[in-house]
Amino acid sequence: MQTATFKAHTKTRNISATATLNWVIESVRIASQRRSLAKLSWSALDDIGVSEAQAMHEANKPFWA
């Protein structure tokens, strides 16, 4: 398996292709969940115990956060 080397600030990190792919898959899943959360009705949010403000705060986060 090949690894890529990235320099982040002062640290060098070796990241495998598998780890990178897993990160991409997880990021897509999180972004999808946040889009779904943003589309829920007020009553659905109330059912799961989340306020509209909390839902919008979460939905507006970038996928990497």
Protein backbone atom coordinates (compact mmCIF):
# COMPACT_ATOMS: atom_id res chain seq x y z
CA MET A 1 0.00 0.00 0.00
CA GLN A 2 1.23 3.48 -0.83
CA THR A 3 1.32 6.37 1.60
CA ALA A 4 1.31 10.09 0.97
CA THR A 5 3.35 12.53 2.99
CA PHE A 6 1.82 15.89 3.93
CA LYS A 7 3.52 18.68 5.79
CA ALA A 8 1.20 20.43 8.21
CA HIS A 9 2.83 23.39 9.90
CA THR A 10 5.93 21.79 11.46
CA LYS A 11 4.78 18.17 11.57
CA THR A 12 5.16 15.57 8.81
CA ARG A 13 2.41 12.97 8.64
CA ASN A 14 2.21 9.76 6.63
CA ILE A 15 -1.36 9.09 5.59
CA SER A 16 -2.37 5.87 3.87
CA ALA A 17 -4.73 5.78 0.91
CA THR A 18 -7.16 3.76 3.04
CA ALA A 19 -7.17 6.38 5.79
CA THR A 20 -7.75 9.12 3.22
CA LEU A 21 -10.62 7.20 1.63
CA ASN A 22 -12.16 6.56 5.05
CA TRP A 23 -11.95 10.28 5.85
CA VAL A 24 -13.68 11.17 2.56
CA ILE A 25 -16.45 8.61 3.15
CA GLU A 26 -17.00 9.85 6.70
CA SER A 27 -17.04 13.49 5.55
CA VAL A 28 -19.68 12.72 2.90
CA ARG A 29 -21.78 10.87 5.52
CA ILE A 30 -21.58 13.80 7.96
CA ALA A 31 -22.47 16.34 5.25
CA SER A 32 -25.47 14.22 4.23
CA GLN A 33 -26.69 13.93 7.81
CA ARG A 34 -26.38 17.68 8.32
CA ARG A 35 -28.37 18.38 5.14
CA SER A 36 -31.06 15.98 6.36
CA LEU A 37 -31.12 17.64 9.77
CA ALA A 38 -31.62 21.04 8.15
CA LYS A 39 -34.68 19.72 6.27
CA LEU A 40 -36.51 18.35 9.34
CA SER A 41 -39.73 20.05 10.36
CA TRP A 42 -40.09 21.78 13.70
CA SER A 43 -42.26 18.90 14.99
CA ALA A 44 -39.69 16.30 13.91
CA LEU A 45 -36.94 18.26 15.68
CA ASP A 46 -39.14 18.46 18.77
CA ASP A 47 -39.62 14.67 18.62
CA ILE A 48 -35.86 14.10 18.80
CA GLY A 49 -35.33 16.78 21.44
CA VAL A 50 -33.41 19.25 19.30
CA SER A 51 -34.29 22.93 19.00
CA GLU A 52 -34.40 24.64 15.62
CA ALA A 53 -31.42 26.77 16.67
CA GLN A 54 -29.39 23.69 17.63
CA ALA A 55 -30.28 21.98 14.35
CA MET A 56 -29.28 25.01 12.28
CA HIS A 57 -26.05 25.42 14.25
CA GLU A 58 -25.13 21.80 13.52
CA ALA A 59 -26.32 21.93 9.90
CA ASN A 60 -24.20 25.01 9.19
CA LYS A 61 -20.95 23.44 10.37
CA PRO A 62 -18.45 22.59 7.66
CA PHE A 63 -18.06 18.88 6.91
CA TRP A 64 -14.62 18.76 8.53
CA ALA A 65 -15.81 20.14 11.89
